[in-house]
N, C-alpha and C. Protein backbone atom coordinates (compact mmCIF):
# COMPACT_ATOMS: atom_id res chain seq x y z
N MET A 1 17.26 -4.42 22.92
CA MET A 1 19.06 -5.38 23.63
C MET A 1 20.15 -5.55 22.89
N TYR A 2 21.32 -5.18 23.26
CA TYR A 2 22.59 -5.24 22.78
C TYR A 2 22.70 -7.44 22.67
N TYR A 3 23.57 -7.92 21.06
CA TYR A 3 24.60 -7.94 20.82
C TYR A 3 25.48 -8.01 21.10
N ALA A 4 26.61 -9.05 21.41
CA ALA A 4 27.87 -9.01 20.98
C ALA A 4 27.89 -9.82 19.83
N ILE A 5 29.14 -9.60 18.25
CA ILE A 5 29.10 -10.41 17.43
C ILE A 5 30.66 -10.05 17.04
N MET A 6 30.93 -11.96 17.56
CA MET A 6 32.16 -12.07 17.96
C MET A 6 32.86 -12.80 16.93
N SER A 7 34.02 -11.92 16.13
CA SER A 7 34.62 -12.33 14.42
C SER A 7 35.91 -13.20 14.67
N GLU A 8 36.91 -14.09 13.88
CA GLU A 8 37.92 -15.12 13.72
C GLU A 8 38.05 -15.13 12.28
N ASP A 9 39.72 -13.97 12.83
CA ASP A 9 39.81 -13.67 11.34
C ASP A 9 40.37 -15.27 10.60
N VAL A 10 40.70 -15.03 9.22
CA VAL A 10 41.56 -16.20 8.55
C VAL A 10 43.29 -15.37 8.56
N THR A 11 43.87 -16.36 8.60
CA THR A 11 44.88 -16.41 8.83
C THR A 11 45.05 -14.91 7.67
N ASN A 12 46.38 -14.24 7.98
CA ASN A 12 46.98 -13.39 6.95
C ASN A 12 46.42 -12.82 6.59
N SER A 13 44.67 -11.85 7.11
CA SER A 13 44.03 -11.41 6.91
C SER A 13 44.06 -9.98 6.72
N LEU A 14 45.53 -9.19 7.00
CA LEU A 14 45.70 -8.50 6.78
C LEU A 14 44.88 -7.59 5.58
N PRO A 15 45.51 -7.84 4.47
CA PRO A 15 45.88 -7.48 3.68
C PRO A 15 43.97 -7.10 3.02
N LEU A 16 44.08 -8.84 3.17
CA LEU A 16 41.96 -8.29 3.30
C LEU A 16 40.91 -7.55 3.28
N ARG A 17 41.40 -7.14 5.25
CA ARG A 17 40.82 -6.15 6.12
C ARG A 17 41.40 -5.11 5.45
N LYS A 18 41.86 -4.75 4.82
CA LYS A 18 42.20 -3.08 4.36
C LYS A 18 41.07 -2.64 2.94
N GLU A 19 41.26 -4.08 2.17
CA GLU A 19 40.53 -3.45 1.14
C GLU A 19 39.14 -3.22 2.02
N ALA A 20 38.71 -3.96 2.46
CA ALA A 20 37.61 -3.40 2.60
C ALA A 20 36.84 -3.30 3.78
N ARG A 21 38.02 -2.27 4.82
CA ARG A 21 37.84 -1.58 6.11
C ARG A 21 37.03 -0.11 5.85
N PRO A 22 36.61 1.03 4.75
CA PRO A 22 36.48 1.53 4.55
C PRO A 22 34.70 1.29 4.36
N ASP A 23 34.25 0.16 3.86
CA ASP A 23 33.10 0.26 4.02
C ASP A 23 32.50 -0.88 5.13
N HIS A 24 33.24 -1.46 6.17
CA HIS A 24 32.97 -1.87 6.83
C HIS A 24 32.37 -1.01 8.30
N ILE A 25 33.65 0.35 8.38
CA ILE A 25 33.79 1.47 9.23
C ILE A 25 32.44 1.80 8.91
N GLN A 26 32.05 2.30 7.55
CA GLN A 26 30.49 2.49 7.23
C GLN A 26 29.82 2.99 7.55
N ARG A 27 29.41 1.08 7.82
CA ARG A 27 28.53 0.78 8.94
C ARG A 27 28.53 0.53 9.89
N LEU A 28 29.71 0.16 10.64
CA LEU A 28 29.63 0.27 12.20
C LEU A 28 29.26 2.41 12.44
N GLU A 29 30.03 2.80 11.73
CA GLU A 29 29.63 4.58 11.36
C GLU A 29 27.91 4.91 12.08
N GLN A 30 27.41 3.91 10.86
CA GLN A 30 25.81 3.88 11.05
C GLN A 30 25.02 3.70 11.93
N LEU A 31 26.09 2.18 13.03
CA LEU A 31 25.16 2.12 14.22
C LEU A 31 25.20 3.65 15.44
N LYS A 32 26.65 3.33 15.28
CA LYS A 32 27.72 5.42 16.26
C LYS A 32 26.18 6.01 16.18
N ASN A 33 25.47 6.29 14.67
CA ASN A 33 24.78 7.44 14.16
C ASN A 33 23.14 7.59 14.52
N GLU A 34 23.03 6.12 15.07
CA GLU A 34 21.97 5.46 15.69
C GLU A 34 21.72 5.05 16.48
N GLY A 35 22.75 6.05 17.50
CA GLY A 35 22.67 5.35 19.09
C GLY A 35 22.69 4.56 19.31
N ARG A 36 23.34 3.32 18.94
CA ARG A 36 22.17 1.73 18.77
C ARG A 36 24.63 1.46 19.24
N LEU A 37 25.50 1.40 19.13
CA LEU A 37 26.34 1.27 18.65
C LEU A 37 27.64 1.57 20.86
N LEU A 38 27.44 0.07 21.12
CA LEU A 38 28.20 0.21 22.84
C LEU A 38 29.49 0.02 22.44
N VAL A 39 30.01 -0.61 21.12
CA VAL A 39 31.35 -0.78 21.41
C VAL A 39 32.39 -1.48 20.25
N ALA A 40 33.28 -1.38 19.63
CA ALA A 40 33.23 -1.88 18.36
C ALA A 40 35.38 -2.14 17.95
N GLY A 41 35.62 -2.95 17.75
CA GLY A 41 36.99 -3.00 17.81
C GLY A 41 37.86 -4.46 17.48
N PRO A 42 38.74 -3.85 16.79
CA PRO A 42 39.66 -5.12 16.77
C PRO A 42 40.42 -6.46 17.61
N HIS A 43 41.20 -7.56 16.79
CA HIS A 43 41.70 -7.96 18.44
C HIS A 43 43.30 -8.17 17.36
N PRO A 44 44.30 -6.65 18.02
CA PRO A 44 45.56 -7.21 17.47
C PRO A 44 46.04 -8.56 17.76
N ALA A 45 47.42 -9.10 16.55
CA ALA A 45 47.06 -10.06 16.70
C ALA A 45 48.57 -10.42 17.60
N LEU A 46 49.52 -8.65 18.26
CA LEU A 46 49.89 -8.68 18.36
C LEU A 46 50.30 -7.21 20.49
N ASP A 47 50.20 -8.58 21.55
CA ASP A 47 50.39 -7.58 22.18
C ASP A 47 50.35 -5.63 22.08
N THR A 48 49.75 -5.43 22.11
CA THR A 48 50.14 -3.83 21.38
C THR A 48 48.63 -3.27 20.34
N PRO A 49 48.94 -2.02 21.12
CA PRO A 49 47.38 -1.44 19.89
C PRO A 49 47.59 -2.15 18.39
N GLU A 50 48.92 -1.24 18.36
CA GLU A 50 49.29 -0.73 16.74
C GLU A 50 50.45 -2.25 15.87
N PRO A 51 49.60 -2.95 15.14
CA PRO A 51 50.36 -4.37 15.51
C PRO A 51 51.42 -4.43 14.12
N GLY A 52 51.00 -3.49 13.81
CA GLY A 52 52.00 -3.32 12.11
C GLY A 52 51.00 -4.38 11.30
N ASP A 53 52.18 -4.89 10.02
CA ASP A 53 52.07 -6.06 9.60
C ASP A 53 51.28 -7.01 10.46
N ALA A 54 51.83 -7.59 11.27
CA ALA A 54 51.12 -8.53 12.42
C ALA A 54 49.70 -8.92 12.13
N GLY A 55 49.08 -7.56 11.68
CA GLY A 55 48.10 -7.36 11.47
C GLY A 55 46.53 -7.88 12.70
N PHE A 56 45.22 -8.82 12.59
CA PHE A 56 44.85 -8.87 13.36
C PHE A 56 43.94 -10.38 13.51
N THR A 57 43.48 -10.20 14.24
CA THR A 57 43.24 -11.68 14.79
C THR A 57 41.88 -11.64 14.41
N GLY A 58 40.57 -10.68 15.00
CA GLY A 58 39.96 -11.27 15.08
C GLY A 58 39.28 -9.15 14.99
N SER A 59 37.37 -9.84 14.97
CA SER A 59 36.68 -8.45 15.86
C SER A 59 35.43 -9.20 17.24
N LEU A 60 35.08 -7.66 17.38
CA LEU A 60 33.74 -7.39 18.45
C LEU A 60 33.74 -6.47 18.37
N VAL A 61 32.53 -6.83 18.51
CA VAL A 61 31.27 -5.22 17.67
C VAL A 61 29.91 -6.28 19.14
N ILE A 62 29.29 -5.16 19.90
CA ILE A 62 28.66 -5.02 20.70
C ILE A 62 27.35 -3.63 20.20
N ALA A 63 26.39 -3.86 19.79
CA ALA A 63 25.60 -2.97 19.61
C ALA A 63 24.08 -3.63 19.84
N GLU A 64 22.97 -2.59 19.49
CA GLU A 64 21.18 -3.23 19.57
C GLU A 64 21.14 -3.14 18.98
N PHE A 65 20.30 -4.15 18.70
CA PHE A 65 19.01 -4.94 17.73
C PHE A 65 17.19 -5.10 17.53
N ASP A 66 16.89 -5.74 17.40
CA ASP A 66 15.85 -5.66 17.68
C ASP A 66 15.80 -6.87 18.08
N SER A 67 16.55 -8.12 17.49
CA SER A 67 16.40 -9.25 17.82
C SER A 67 17.59 -10.20 17.02
N LEU A 68 17.43 -11.25 17.63
CA LEU A 68 19.65 -11.65 17.96
C LEU A 68 18.67 -12.44 15.87
N GLU A 69 17.78 -12.37 16.03
CA GLU A 69 18.44 -12.68 14.44
C GLU A 69 17.87 -11.64 13.24
N ASP A 70 18.42 -10.69 13.78
CA ASP A 70 18.39 -9.14 12.89
C ASP A 70 19.75 -9.43 13.22
N ALA A 71 20.61 -9.31 14.37
CA ALA A 71 22.06 -8.98 14.59
C ALA A 71 23.08 -9.55 13.91
N ARG A 72 21.88 -10.97 13.62
CA ARG A 72 23.11 -11.92 12.93
C ARG A 72 22.53 -12.09 11.38
N GLN A 73 21.34 -11.08 11.23
CA GLN A 73 21.50 -10.44 9.28
C GLN A 73 22.44 -9.68 8.96
N TRP A 74 22.55 -8.46 10.15
CA TRP A 74 23.35 -7.56 10.07
C TRP A 74 24.97 -7.93 10.33
N ALA A 75 25.49 -8.82 10.76
CA ALA A 75 26.66 -10.10 10.64
C ALA A 75 27.32 -10.74 9.29
N ASP A 76 25.90 -10.76 8.64
CA ASP A 76 25.79 -11.71 7.77
C ASP A 76 26.48 -10.85 6.66
N ALA A 77 26.10 -9.57 6.36
CA ALA A 77 26.22 -8.31 5.67
C ALA A 77 27.29 -8.21 5.75
N ASP A 78 28.56 -7.84 6.77
CA ASP A 78 29.51 -6.92 6.90
C ASP A 78 30.50 -7.30 5.79
N PRO A 79 30.77 -6.35 5.34
CA PRO A 79 32.17 -7.04 3.36
C PRO A 79 33.09 -7.98 4.45
N TYR A 80 33.52 -7.02 5.78
CA TYR A 80 34.60 -8.11 6.00
C TYR A 80 33.91 -9.58 5.74
N VAL A 81 32.75 -9.68 5.76
CA VAL A 81 32.19 -11.00 5.67
C VAL A 81 32.85 -11.52 4.07
N ALA A 82 31.92 -10.68 3.71
CA ALA A 82 32.06 -10.81 2.41
C ALA A 82 33.06 -11.31 1.41
N ALA A 83 34.40 -10.07 2.33
CA ALA A 83 35.14 -10.29 1.52
C ALA A 83 36.55 -11.08 1.83
N GLY A 84 35.94 -12.31 2.30
CA GLY A 84 37.04 -13.63 3.36
C GLY A 84 37.10 -13.04 5.08
N VAL A 85 37.52 -11.90 4.93
CA VAL A 85 38.12 -11.56 6.46
C VAL A 85 37.99 -12.69 6.87
N TYR A 86 37.09 -13.78 7.59
CA TYR A 86 36.37 -13.69 9.09
C TYR A 86 36.34 -15.32 8.67
N GLN A 87 36.56 -16.72 9.34
CA GLN A 87 36.70 -17.73 9.61
C GLN A 87 35.22 -17.87 9.56
N ARG A 88 34.64 -16.91 11.37
CA ARG A 88 34.16 -17.53 12.14
C ARG A 88 33.34 -15.96 12.86
N VAL A 89 31.80 -16.52 12.85
CA VAL A 89 31.48 -15.46 13.20
C VAL A 89 30.75 -15.77 14.37
N THR A 90 30.15 -15.21 15.82
CA THR A 90 29.59 -15.95 16.12
C THR A 90 28.17 -14.72 17.19
N VAL A 91 27.46 -15.31 17.33
CA VAL A 91 26.72 -13.63 17.52
C VAL A 91 25.82 -13.86 19.06
N LYS A 92 25.65 -13.53 20.85
CA LYS A 92 25.02 -13.89 20.89
C LYS A 92 23.99 -12.71 21.86
N PRO A 93 23.75 -12.65 22.54
CA PRO A 93 22.77 -11.60 23.96
C PRO A 93 23.89 -11.15 24.45
N PHE A 94 23.77 -9.96 24.57
CA PHE A 94 24.51 -9.06 25.50
C PHE A 94 23.99 -8.66 26.61
N LYS A 95 24.52 -8.34 28.12
CA LYS A 95 23.76 -7.88 28.84
C LYS A 95 23.88 -6.72 29.10
N ALA A 96 24.46 -5.46 29.02
CA ALA A 96 25.51 -5.40 29.54
C ALA A 96 25.03 -4.54 31.62
N VAL A 97 26.36 -4.81 31.97
CA VAL A 97 26.04 -4.13 33.10
C VAL A 97 27.78 -3.15 33.91
N LEU A 98 28.18 -3.24 33.57
CA LEU A 98 29.16 -2.40 34.28
C LEU A 98 30.00 -1.49 32.74
N PRO A 99 29.72 -0.46 32.93
CA PRO A 99 30.00 0.65 34.40
C PRO A 99 29.25 0.26 34.54
């Protein structure tokens, strides 16, 4: 089943994101290579794909896991969590309907 991992950043998270990004991306690449990643990406702080120094306000990952607990454990082990990027992470089951 798919699960949505919705994360909210702390204020001024960009420096923290930059430092932890390589490890964060590596984990997403692993999900992708396993065929489990539906979509992943950050929420720009400004209404533009490239917010520059304004940075991001959070992230969304939708991926397949065996259970809600497995999805939560994966989310808890995210390098962005360890780096203090996220102030809140919510994990919910997700049902893909369209397209």
